[in-house]
PDB file of N, CA and C in Angstrom:
ATOM      1  N   UNK A   1      23.850 139.640  61.749  1.00  0.00           N
ATOM      2  CA  UNK A   1      23.762 138.245  62.124  1.00  0.00           C
ATOM      3  C   UNK A   1      24.843 137.962  63.166  1.00  0.00           C
ATOM      4  N   UNK A   2      24.482 137.258  64.186  1.00  0.00           N
ATOM      5  CA  UNK A   2      25.451 136.920  65.227  1.00  0.00           C
ATOM      6  C   UNK A   2      26.395 135.817  64.742  1.00  0.00           C
ATOM      7  N   UNK A   3      27.587 135.819  65.291  1.00  0.00           N
ATOM      8  CA  UNK A   3      28.613 134.878  64.851  1.00  0.00           C
ATOM      9  C   UNK A   3      28.179 133.412  64.955  1.00  0.00           C
ATOM     10  N   UNK A   4      27.560 132.959  66.049  1.00  0.00           N
ATOM     11  CA  UNK A   4      27.147 131.550  66.090  1.00  0.00           C
ATOM     12  C   UNK A   4      26.173 131.186  64.967  1.00  0.00           C
ATOM     13  N   UNK A   5      25.247 132.087  64.655  1.00  0.00           N
ATOM     14  CA  UNK A   5      24.310 131.833  63.559  1.00  0.00           C
ATOM     15  C   UNK A   5      25.049 131.727  62.236  1.00  0.00           C
ATOM     16  N   UNK A   6      25.962 132.652  61.993  1.00  0.00           N
ATOM     17  CA  UNK A   6      26.775 132.631  60.775  1.00  0.00           C
ATOM     18  C   UNK A   6      27.526 131.301  60.665  1.00  0.00           C
ATOM     19  N   UNK A   7      28.130 130.869  61.748  1.00  0.00           N
ATOM     20  CA  UNK A   7      28.913 129.633  61.723  1.00  0.00           C
ATOM     21  C   UNK A   7      28.042 128.394  61.557  1.00  0.00           C
ATOM     22  N   UNK A   8      26.844 128.396  62.130  1.00  0.00           N
ATOM     23  CA  UNK A   8      25.926 127.271  61.927  1.00  0.00           C
ATOM     24  C   UNK A   8      25.531 127.186  60.459  1.00  0.00           C
ATOM     25  N   UNK A   9      25.189 128.316  59.860  1.00  0.00           N
ATOM     26  CA  UNK A   9      24.833 128.320  58.431  1.00  0.00           C
ATOM     27  C   UNK A   9      26.024 127.885  57.583  1.00  0.00           C
ATOM     28  N   UNK A  10      27.220 128.357  57.928  1.00  0.00           N
ATOM     29  CA  UNK A  10      28.417 127.967  57.179  1.00  0.00           C
ATOM     30  C   UNK A  10      28.665 126.468  57.312  1.00  0.00           C
ATOM     31  N   UNK A  11      28.460 125.923  58.501  1.00  0.00           N
ATOM     32  CA  UNK A  11      28.640 124.484  58.707  1.00  0.00           C
ATOM     33  C   UNK A  11      27.679 123.688  57.829  1.00  0.00           C
ATOM     34  N   UNK A  12      26.471 124.212  57.656  1.00  0.00           N
ATOM     35  CA  UNK A  12      25.461 123.498  56.872  1.00  0.00           C
ATOM     36  C   UNK A  12      25.530 123.809  55.383  1.00  0.00           C
ATOM     37  N   UNK A  13      26.532 124.585  54.962  1.00  0.00           N
ATOM     38  CA  UNK A  13      26.719 124.850  53.530  1.00  0.00           C
ATOM     39  C   UNK A  13      27.309 123.631  52.825  1.00  0.00           C
ATOM     40  N   UNK A  14      27.733 122.646  53.588  1.00  0.00           N
ATOM     41  CA  UNK A  14      28.217 121.386  53.026  1.00  0.00           C
ATOM     42  C   UNK A  14      27.105 120.351  53.075  1.00  0.00           C
ATOM     43  N   UNK A  15      27.471 119.093  53.228  1.00  0.00           N
ATOM     44  CA  UNK A  15      26.451 118.048  53.310  1.00  0.00           C
ATOM     45  C   UNK A  15      25.611 118.189  54.587  1.00  0.00           C
ATOM     46  N   UNK A  16      24.409 117.603  54.601  1.00  0.00           N
ATOM     47  CA  UNK A  16      23.576 117.660  55.807  1.00  0.00           C
ATOM     48  C   UNK A  16      24.318 117.097  57.017  1.00  0.00           C
ATOM     49  N   UNK A  17      24.066 117.707  58.173  1.00  0.00           N
ATOM     50  CA  UNK A  17      24.716 117.303  59.416  1.00  0.00           C
ATOM     51  C   UNK A  17      23.687 117.141  60.521  1.00  0.00           C
ATOM     52  N   UNK A  18      23.961 116.232  61.451  1.00  0.00           N
ATOM     53  CA  UNK A  18      23.149 116.135  62.659  1.00  0.00           C
ATOM     54  C   UNK A  18      23.726 117.111  63.682  1.00  0.00           C
ATOM     55  N   UNK A  19      23.036 117.284  64.792  1.00  0.00           N
ATOM     56  CA  UNK A  19      23.403 118.301  65.770  1.00  0.00           C
ATOM     57  C   UNK A  19      24.851 118.238  66.216  1.00  0.00           C
ATOM     58  N   UNK A  20      25.326 117.046  66.579  1.00  0.00           N
ATOM     59  CA  UNK A  20      26.707 116.940  67.048  1.00  0.00           C
ATOM     60  C   UNK A  20      27.679 117.298  65.931  1.00  0.00           C
ATOM     61  N   UNK A  21      27.348 116.931  64.700  1.00  0.00           N
ATOM     62  CA  UNK A  21      28.183 117.292  63.551  1.00  0.00           C
ATOM     63  C   UNK A  21      28.251 118.801  63.361  1.00  0.00           C
ATOM     64  N   UNK A  22      27.122 119.481  63.579  1.00  0.00           N
ATOM     65  CA  UNK A  22      27.094 120.941  63.488  1.00  0.00           C
ATOM     66  C   UNK A  22      27.990 121.533  64.572  1.00  0.00           C
ATOM     67  N   UNK A  23      27.884 121.005  65.792  1.00  0.00           N
ATOM     68  CA  UNK A  23      28.713 121.504  66.898  1.00  0.00           C
ATOM     69  C   UNK A  23      30.203 121.372  66.567  1.00  0.00           C
ATOM     70  N   UNK A  24      30.599 120.228  66.035  1.00  0.00           N
ATOM     71  CA  UNK A  24      32.016 119.999  65.679  1.00  0.00           C
ATOM     72  C   UNK A  24      32.461 120.938  64.563  1.00  0.00           C
ATOM     73  N   UNK A  25      31.621 121.115  63.546  1.00  0.00           N
ATOM     74  CA  UNK A  25      31.970 121.994  62.424  1.00  0.00           C
ATOM     75  C   UNK A  25      32.102 123.446  62.874  1.00  0.00           C
ATOM     76  N   UNK A  26      31.202 123.900  63.728  1.00  0.00           N
ATOM     77  CA  UNK A  26      31.264 125.278  64.233  1.00  0.00           C
ATOM     78  C   UNK A  26      32.571 125.489  64.994  1.00  0.00           C
ATOM     79  N   UNK A  27      32.928 124.540  65.847  1.00  0.00           N
ATOM     80  CA  UNK A  27      34.190 124.652  66.591  1.00  0.00           C
ATOM     81  C   UNK A  27      35.374 124.678  65.626  1.00  0.00           C
ATOM     82  N   UNK A  28      35.345 123.827  64.616  1.00  0.00           N
ATOM     83  CA  UNK A  28      36.440 123.779  63.646  1.00  0.00           C
ATOM     84  C   UNK A  28      36.521 125.060  62.816  1.00  0.00           C
ATOM     85  N   UNK A  29      35.382 125.522  62.314  1.00  0.00           N
ATOM     86  CA  UNK A  29      35.366 126.732  61.483  1.00  0.00           C
ATOM     87  C   UNK A  29      35.842 127.959  62.252  1.00  0.00           C
ATOM     88  N   UNK A  30      35.590 127.979  63.560  1.00  0.00           N
ATOM     89  CA  UNK A  30      35.979 129.132  64.373  1.00  0.00           C
ATOM     90  C   UNK A  30      37.355 128.971  64.999  1.00  0.00           C
ATOM     91  N   UNK A  31      38.067 127.923  64.645  1.00  0.00           N
ATOM     92  CA  UNK A  31      39.371 127.689  65.248  1.00  0.00           C
ATOM     93  C   UNK A  31      39.275 127.403  66.737  1.00  0.00           C
ATOM     94  N   UNK A  32      38.142 126.852  67.169  1.00  0.00           N
ATOM     95  CA  UNK A  32      37.944 126.506  68.565  1.00  0.00           C
ATOM     96  C   UNK A  32      37.417 127.640  69.429  1.00  0.00           C
ATOM     97  N   UNK A  33      37.221 128.817  68.849  1.00  0.00           N
ATOM     98  CA  UNK A  33      36.726 129.963  69.628  1.00  0.00           C
ATOM     99  C   UNK A  33      35.271 129.819  70.021  1.00  0.00           C
ATOM    100  N   UNK A  34      34.458 129.245  69.139  1.00  0.00           N
ATOM    101  CA  UNK A  34      33.021 129.137  69.394  1.00  0.00           C
ATOM    102  C   UNK A  34      32.685 127.669  69.646  1.00  0.00           C
ATOM    103  N   UNK A  35      32.244 127.402  70.867  1.00  0.00           N
ATOM    104  CA  UNK A  35      31.823 126.054  71.251  1.00  0.00           C
ATOM    105  C   UNK A  35      30.396 126.151  71.745  1.00  0.00           C
ATOM    106  N   UNK A  36      29.496 125.574  70.982  1.00  0.00           N
ATOM    107  CA  UNK A  36      28.073 125.666  71.307  1.00  0.00           C
ATOM    108  C   UNK A  36      27.657 124.551  72.256  1.00  0.00           C
ATOM    109  N   UNK A  37      26.910 124.894  73.282  1.00  0.00           N
ATOM    110  CA  UNK A  37      26.329 123.864  74.141  1.00  0.00           C
ATOM    111  C   UNK A  37      25.149 123.251  73.386  1.00  0.00           C
ATOM    112  N   UNK A  38      24.745 122.071  73.814  1.00  0.00           N
ATOM    113  CA  UNK A  38      23.632 121.393  73.150  1.00  0.00           C
ATOM    114  C   UNK A  38      22.366 122.243  73.217  1.00  0.00           C
ATOM    115  N   UNK A  39      22.091 122.847  74.372  1.00  0.00           N
ATOM    116  CA  UNK A  39      20.883 123.667  74.515  1.00  0.00           C
ATOM    117  C   UNK A  39      20.885 124.861  73.585  1.00  0.00           C
ATOM    118  N   UNK A  40      22.023 125.531  73.496  1.00  0.00           N
ATOM    119  CA  UNK A  40      22.148 126.691  72.607  1.00  0.00           C
ATOM    120  C   UNK A  40      22.003 126.266  71.156  1.00  0.00           C
ATOM    121  N   UNK A  41      22.656 125.169  70.786  1.00  0.00           N
ATOM    122  CA  UNK A  41      22.602 124.698  69.402  1.00  0.00           C
ATOM    123  C   UNK A  41      21.180 124.341  68.997  1.00  0.00           C
ATOM    124  N   UNK A  42      20.497 123.522  69.803  1.00  0.00           N
ATOM    125  CA  UNK A  42      19.175 123.060  69.390  1.00  0.00           C
ATOM    126  C   UNK A  42      18.153 124.196  69.382  1.00  0.00           C
ATOM    127  N   UNK A  43      18.299 125.167  70.267  1.00  0.00           N
ATOM    128  CA  UNK A  43      17.429 126.349  70.206  1.00  0.00           C
ATOM    129  C   UNK A  43      17.683 127.106  68.904  1.00  0.00           C
ATOM    130  N   UNK A  44      18.955 127.242  68.519  1.00  0.00           N
ATOM    131  CA  UNK A  44      19.295 127.936  67.265  1.00  0.00           C
ATOM    132  C   UNK A  44      18.779 127.153  66.062  1.00  0.00           C
ATOM    133  N   UNK A  45      18.934 125.829  66.078  1.00  0.00           N
ATOM    134  CA  UNK A  45      18.439 125.016  64.956  1.00  0.00           C
ATOM    135  C   UNK A  45      16.926 125.153  64.820  1.00  0.00           C
ATOM    136  N   UNK A  46      16.212 125.158  65.938  1.00  0.00           N
ATOM    137  CA  UNK A  46      14.749 125.336  65.884  1.00  0.00           C
ATOM    138  C   UNK A  46      14.399 126.705  65.304  1.00  0.00           C
ATOM    139  N   UNK A  47      15.105 127.750  65.749  1.00  0.00           N
ATOM    140  CA  UNK A  47      14.839 129.113  65.269  1.00  0.00           C
ATOM    141  C   UNK A  47      15.144 129.233  63.783  1.00  0.00           C
ATOM    142  N   UNK A  48      16.304 128.698  63.357  1.00  0.00           N
ATOM    143  CA  UNK A  48      16.694 128.789  61.949  1.00  0.00           C
ATOM    144  C   UNK A  48      15.751 127.991  61.056  1.00  0.00           C
ATOM    145  N   UNK A  49      15.239 126.883  61.567  1.00  0.00           N
ATOM    146  CA  UNK A  49      14.249 126.097  60.824  1.00  0.00           C
ATOM    147  C   UNK A  49      12.955 126.899  60.678  1.00  0.00           C
ATOM    148  N   UNK A  50      12.507 127.519  61.764  1.00  0.00           N
ATOM    149  CA  UNK A  50      11.277 128.328  61.732  1.00  0.00           C
ATOM    150  C   UNK A  50      11.426 129.512  60.775  1.00  0.00           C
ATOM    151  N   UNK A  51      12.640 130.056  60.665  1.00  0.00           N
ATOM    152  CA  UNK A  51      12.897 131.192  59.770  1.00  0.00           C
ATOM    153  C   UNK A  51      13.095 130.756  58.318  1.00  0.00           C
ATOM    154  N   UNK A  52      13.142 129.450  58.076  1.00  0.00           N
ATOM    155  CA  UNK A  52      13.309 128.950  56.719  1.00  0.00           C
ATOM    156  C   UNK A  52      14.738 128.997  56.205  1.00  0.00           C
ATOM    157  N   UNK A  53      15.708 129.202  57.093  1.00  0.00           N
ATOM    158  CA  UNK A  53      17.117 129.269  56.670  1.00  0.00           C
ATOM    159  C   UNK A  53      17.754 127.891  56.592  1.00  0.00           C
ATOM    160  N   UNK A  54      17.223 126.948  57.366  1.00  0.00           N
ATOM    161  CA  UNK A  54      17.655 125.551  57.290  1.00  0.00           C
ATOM    162  C   UNK A  54      16.404 124.687  57.294  1.00  0.00           C
ATOM    163  N   UNK A  55      16.585 123.421  56.945  1.00  0.00           N
ATOM    164  CA  UNK A  55      15.460 122.487  56.946  1.00  0.00           C
ATOM    165  C   UNK A  55      15.953 121.135  57.417  1.00  0.00           C
ATOM    166  N   UNK A  56      15.029 120.340  57.937  1.00  0.00           N
ATOM    167  CA  UNK A  56      15.358 118.969  58.295  1.00  0.00           C
ATOM    168  C   UNK A  56      15.499 118.193  56.993  1.00  0.00           C
ATOM    169  N   UNK A  57      16.645 117.550  56.815  1.00  0.00           N
ATOM    170  CA  UNK A  57      16.919 116.766  55.615  1.00  0.00           C
ATOM    171  C   UNK A  57      16.361 115.357  55.758  1.00  0.00           C
ATOM    172  N   UNK A  58      16.609 114.763  56.934  1.00  0.00           N
ATOM    173  CA  UNK A  58      16.128 113.404  57.204  1.00  0.00           C
ATOM    174  C   UNK A  58      16.306 113.109  58.682  1.00  0.00           C
ATOM    175  N   UNK A  59      15.710 112.005  59.103  1.00  0.00           N
ATOM    176  CA  UNK A  59      15.875 111.519  60.457  1.00  0.00           C
ATOM    177  C   UNK A  59      16.258 110.056  60.401  1.00  0.00           C
ATOM    178  N   UNK A  60      17.234 109.672  61.210  1.00  0.00           N
ATOM    179  CA  UNK A  60      17.658 108.277  61.325  1.00  0.00           C
ATOM    180  C   UNK A  60      17.523 107.858  62.774  1.00  0.00           C
ATOM    181  N   UNK A  61      17.216 106.578  62.979  1.00  0.00           N
ATOM    182  CA  UNK A  61      17.190 106.036  64.331  1.00  0.00           C
ATOM    183  C   UNK A  61      18.549 105.400  64.609  1.00  0.00           C
ATOM    184  N   UNK A  62      19.193 105.856  65.687  1.00  0.00           N
ATOM    185  CA  UNK A  62      20.493 105.322  66.090  1.00  0.00           C
ATOM    186  C   UNK A  62      20.395 104.960  67.562  1.00  0.00           C
ATOM    187  N   UNK A  63      20.585 103.675  67.857  1.00  0.00           N
ATOM    188  CA  UNK A  63      20.493 103.196  69.243  1.00  0.00           C
ATOM    189  C   UNK A  63      19.182 103.616  69.903  1.00  0.00           C
ATOM    190  N   UNK A  64      18.094 103.544  69.163  1.00  0.00           N
ATOM    191  CA  UNK A  64      16.785 103.867  69.707  1.00  0.00           C
ATOM    192  C   UNK A  64      16.489 105.352  69.823  1.00  0.00           C
ATOM    193  N   UNK A  65      17.419 106.180  69.374  1.00  0.00           N
ATOM    194  CA  UNK A  65      17.206 107.632  69.430  1.00  0.00           C
ATOM    195  C   UNK A  65      17.141 108.184  68.013  1.00  0.00           C
ATOM    196  N   UNK A  66      16.361 109.216  67.829  1.00  0.00           N
ATOM    197  CA  UNK A  66      16.232 109.838  66.514  1.00  0.00           C
ATOM    198  C   UNK A  66      17.369 110.844  66.338  1.00  0.00           C
ATOM    199  N   UNK A  67      18.068 110.703  65.236  1.00  0.00           N
ATOM    200  CA  UNK A  67      19.128 111.654  64.868  1.00  0.00           C
ATOM    201  C   UNK A  67      18.617 112.447  63.682  1.00  0.00           C
ATOM    202  N   UNK A  68      18.453 113.753  63.881  1.00  0.00           N
ATOM    203  CA  UNK A  68      17.911 114.634  62.848  1.00  0.00           C
ATOM    204  C   UNK A  68      19.057 115.315  62.115  1.00  0.00           C
ATOM    205  N   UNK A  69      19.020 115.254  60.791  1.00  0.00           N
ATOM    206  CA  UNK A  69      20.024 115.899  59.942  1.00  0.00           C
ATOM    207  C   UNK A  69      19.420 117.168  59.347  1.00  0.00           C
ATOM    208  N   UNK A  70      20.230 118.223  59.332  1.00  0.00           N
ATOM    209  CA  UNK A  70      19.794 119.518  58.824  1.00  0.00           C
ATOM    210  C   UNK A  70      20.577 119.885  57.574  1.00  0.00           C
ATOM    211  N   UNK A  71      19.941 120.688  56.728  1.00  0.00           N
ATOM    212  CA  UNK A  71      20.604 121.195  55.524  1.00  0.00           C
ATOM    213  C   UNK A  71      20.261 122.670  55.354  1.00  0.00           C
ATOM    214  N   UNK A  72      21.111 123.369  54.650  1.00  0.00           N
ATOM    215  CA  UNK A  72      20.898 124.774  54.337  1.00  0.00           C
ATOM    216  C   UNK A  72      19.837 124.870  53.242  1.00  0.00           C
ATOM    217  N   UNK A  73      18.924 125.822  53.367  1.00  0.00           N
ATOM    218  CA  UNK A  73      17.930 126.059  52.319  1.00  0.00           C
ATOM    219  C   UNK A  73      18.469 127.123  51.356  1.00  0.00           C
ATOM    220  N   UNK A  74      17.762 127.319  50.271  1.00  0.00           N
ATOM    221  CA  UNK A  74      18.142 128.382  49.328  1.00  0.00           C
ATOM    222  C   UNK A  74      18.139 129.742  50.030  1.00  0.00           C
ATOM    223  N   UNK A  75      17.129 129.971  50.828  1.00  0.00           N
ATOM    224  CA  UNK A  75      17.041 131.228  51.591  1.00  0.00           C
ATOM    225  C   UNK A  75      18.216 131.353  52.572  1.00  0.00           C
ATOM    226  N   UNK A  76      18.579 130.246  53.195  1.00  0.00           N
ATOM    227  CA  UNK A  76      19.713 130.253  54.114  1.00  0.00           C
ATOM    228  C   UNK A  76      21.026 130.517  53.394  1.00  0.00           C
ATOM    229  N   UNK A  77      21.167 129.947  52.199  1.00  0.00           N
ATOM    230  CA  UNK A  77      22.368 130.192  51.399  1.00  0.00           C
ATOM    231  C   UNK A  77      22.480 131.658  51.009  1.00  0.00           C
ATOM    232  N   UNK A  78      21.353 132.259  50.658  1.00  0.00           N
ATOM    233  CA  UNK A  78      21.357 133.687  50.303  1.00  0.00           C
ATOM    234  C   UNK A  78      21.729 134.538  51.517  1.00  0.00           C
ATOM    235  N   UNK A  79      21.185 134.199  52.684  1.00  0.00           N
ATOM    236  CA  UNK A  79      21.506 134.951  53.909  1.00  0.00           C
ATOM    237  C   UNK A  79      22.983 134.804  54.258  1.00  0.00           C
ATOM    238  N   UNK A  80      23.524 133.603  54.098  1.00  0.00           N
ATOM    239  CA  UNK A  80      24.945 133.363  54.381  1.00  0.00           C
ATOM    240  C   UNK A  80      25.826 134.154  53.413  1.00  0.00           C
ATOM    241  N   UNK A  81      25.489 134.144  52.127  1.00  0.00           N
ATOM    242  CA  UNK A  81      26.256 134.929  51.141  1.00  0.00           C
ATOM    243  C   UNK A  81      26.221 136.420  51.463  1.00  0.00           C
ATOM    244  N   UNK A  82      25.046 136.924  51.812  1.00  0.00           N
ATOM    245  CA  UNK A  82      24.885 138.342  52.127  1.00  0.00           C
ATOM    246  C   UNK A  82      25.724 138.714  53.353  1.00  0.00           C
ATOM    247  N   UNK A  83      25.691 137.887  54.385  1.00  0.00           N
ATOM    248  CA  UNK A  83      26.459 138.184  55.593  1.00  0.00           C
ATOM    249  C   UNK A  83      27.958 138.073  55.332  1.00  0.00           C
ATOM    250  N   UNK A  84      28.376 137.088  54.540  1.00  0.00           N
ATOM    251  CA  UNK A  84      29.796 136.950  54.201  1.00  0.00           C
ATOM    252  C   UNK A  84      30.281 138.181  53.440  1.00  0.00           C
ATOM    253  N   UNK A  85      29.471 138.689  52.524  1.00  0.00           N
ATOM    254  CA  UNK A  85      29.839 139.897  51.772  1.00  0.00           C
ATOM    255  C   UNK A  85      29.936 141.106  52.702  1.00  0.00           C
ATOM    256  N   UNK A  86      29.006 141.217  53.657  1.00  0.00           N
ATOM    257  CA  UNK A  86      29.046 142.328  54.618  1.00  0.00           C
ATOM    258  C   UNK A  86      30.312 142.264  55.462  1.00  0.00           C
ATOM    259  N   UNK A  87      30.640 141.078  55.950  1.00  0.00           N
ATOM    260  CA  UNK A  87      31.851 140.913  56.760  1.00  0.00           C
ATOM    261  C   UNK A  87      33.108 141.212  55.939  1.00  0.00           C
ATOM    262  N   UNK A  88      33.112 140.780  54.682  1.00  0.00           N
ATOM    263  CA  UNK A  88      34.262 141.037  53.803  1.00  0.00           C
ATOM    264  C   UNK A  88      34.459 142.545  53.599  1.00  0.00           C
ATOM    265  N   UNK A  89      33.361 143.261  53.324  1.00  0.00           N
ATOM    266  CA  UNK A  89      33.448 144.718  53.145  1.00  0.00           C
ATOM    267  C   UNK A  89      33.964 145.396  54.411  1.00  0.00           C
ATOM    268  N   UNK A  90      33.435 145.002  55.551  1.00  0.00           N
ATOM    269  CA  UNK A  90      33.887 145.592  56.812  1.00  0.00           C
ATOM    270  C   UNK A  90      35.368 145.305  57.065  1.00  0.00           C
ATOM    271  N   UNK A  91      35.791 144.115  56.751  1.00  0.00           N
ATOM    272  CA  UNK A  91      37.196 143.749  56.925  1.00  0.00           C
ATOM    273  C   UNK A  91      38.091 144.571  56.005  1.00  0.00           C
ATOM    274  N   UNK A  92      37.675 144.748  54.761  1.00  0.00           N
ATOM    275  CA  UNK A  92      38.458 145.543  53.813  1.00  0.00           C
ATOM    276  C   UNK A  92      38.579 146.990  54.263  1.00  0.00           C
ATOM    277  N   UNK A  93      37.507 147.551  54.807  1.00  0.00           N
ATOM    278  CA  UNK A  93      37.549 148.916  55.321  1.00  0.00           C
ATOM    279  C   UNK A  93      38.551 149.008  56.461  1.00  0.00           C
ATOM    280  N   UNK A  94      38.517 148.057  57.381  1.00  0.00           N
ATOM    281  CA  UNK A  94      39.443 148.085  58.521  1.00  0.00           C
ATOM    282  C   UNK A  94      40.888 147.958  58.060  1.00  0.00           C
ATOM    283  N   UNK A  95      41.154 147.069  57.121  1.00  0.00           N
ATOM    284  CA  UNK A  95      42.521 146.885  56.615  1.00  0.00           C
ATOM    285  C   UNK A  95      43.004 148.162  55.935  1.00  0.00           C
ATOM    286  N   UNK A  96      42.155 148.784  55.128  1.00  0.00           N
ATOM    287  CA  UNK A  96      42.524 150.044  54.468  1.00  0.00           C
ATOM    288  C   UNK A  96      42.819 151.137  55.487  1.00  0.00           C
ATOM    289  N   UNK A  97      41.975 151.230  56.510  1.00  0.00           N
ATOM    290  CA  UNK A  97      42.173 152.256  57.542  1.00  0.00           C
ATOM    291  C   UNK A  97      43.469 152.006  58.317  1.00  0.00           C
ATOM    292  N   UNK A  98      43.752 150.764  58.599  1.00  0.00           N
ATOM    293  CA  UNK A  98      44.969 150.436  59.365  1.00  0.00           C
ATOM    294  C   UNK A  98      46.242 150.679  58.569  1.00  0.00           C
ATOM    295  N   UNK A  99      46.155 150.654  57.246  1.00  0.00           N
ATOM    296  CA  UNK A  99      47.342 150.842  56.412  1.00  0.00           C
ATOM    297  C   UNK A  99      47.983 152.209  56.656  1.00  0.00           C
ATOM    298  N   UNK A 100      47.193 153.200  56.978  1.00  0.00           N
ATOM    299  CA  UNK A 100      47.739 154.533  57.195  1.00  0.00           C
ATOM    300  C   UNK A 100      47.773 154.945  58.657  1.00  0.00           C
ATOM    301  N   UNK A 101      47.511 154.004  59.547  1.00  0.00           N
ATOM    302  CA  UNK A 101      47.404 154.331  60.962  1.00  0.00           C
ATOM    303  C   UNK A 101      48.697 154.021  61.704  1.00  0.00           C
ATOM    304  N   UNK A 102      49.016 154.868  62.631  1.00  0.00           N
ATOM    305  CA  UNK A 102      50.127 154.613  63.549  1.00  0.00           C
ATOM    306  C   UNK A 102      49.714 155.183  64.904  1.00  0.00           C
ATOM    307  N   UNK A 103      50.010 154.469  65.996  1.00  0.00           N
ATOM    308  CA  UNK A 103      49.649 154.994  67.309  1.00  0.00           C
ATOM    309  C   UNK A 103      50.438 156.261  67.622  1.00  0.00           C
ATOM    310  N   UNK A 104      49.829 157.130  68.380  1.00  0.00           N
ATOM    311  CA  UNK A 104      50.529 158.343  68.802  1.00  0.00           C
ATOM    312  C   UNK A 104      51.621 157.961  69.791  1.00  0.00           C
ATOM    313  N   UNK A 105      52.813 158.480  69.606  1.00  0.00           N
ATOM    314  CA  UNK A 105      53.922 158.118  70.491  1.00  0.00           C
ATOM    315  C   UNK A 105      53.600 158.423  71.956  1.00  0.00           C
ATOM    316  N   UNK A 106      53.911 157.473  72.808  1.00  0.00           N
ATOM    317  CA  UNK A 106      53.770 157.658  74.237  1.00  0.00           C
ATOM    318  C   UNK A 106      52.378 157.456  74.793  1.00  0.00           C
ATOM    319  N   UNK A 107      51.369 157.297  73.960  1.00  0.00           N
ATOM    320  CA  UNK A 107      50.008 157.148  74.482  1.00  0.00           C
ATOM    321  C   UNK A 107      49.602 155.702  74.689  1.00  0.00           C
ATOM    322  N   UNK A 108      50.015 154.838  73.811  1.00  0.00           N
ATOM    323  CA  UNK A 108      49.627 153.438  73.906  1.00  0.00           C
ATOM    324  C   UNK A 108      50.872 152.557  73.886  1.00  0.00           C
ATOM    325  N   UNK A 109      50.855 151.483  74.683  1.00  0.00           N
ATOM    326  CA  UNK A 109      51.982 150.549  74.589  1.00  0.00           C
ATOM    327  C   UNK A 109      51.970 149.857  73.235  1.00  0.00           C
ATOM    328  N   UNK A 110      53.135 149.568  72.691  1.00  0.00           N
ATOM    329  CA  UNK A 110      53.182 148.923  71.382  1.00  0.00           C
ATOM    330  C   UNK A 110      53.053 147.436  71.477  1.00  0.00           C
TER     331      UNK A 110
END
């Protein structure tokens, strides 16, 4: 799973959010590293909805425009848990490997 998808699902693991709320949560969860454009976000939301990982929770009219709120589905929660476990395992392997690693003298700057 790509990082933006993971972060969108993680953002929707809380209460339902509209698109701008998802964008803000993704930026916050990533420490500002991942900033989704509106086009990228809405394409991802459409794809994730089609895949059954998220669903439209409700729609509200605000200033004459429809604001759509999304929520994580059970299937989306399972996918998020599975990916989080995969990332955790990979991280643990890297930390274990680094515990016994030291750069060869003179080959790499410290």
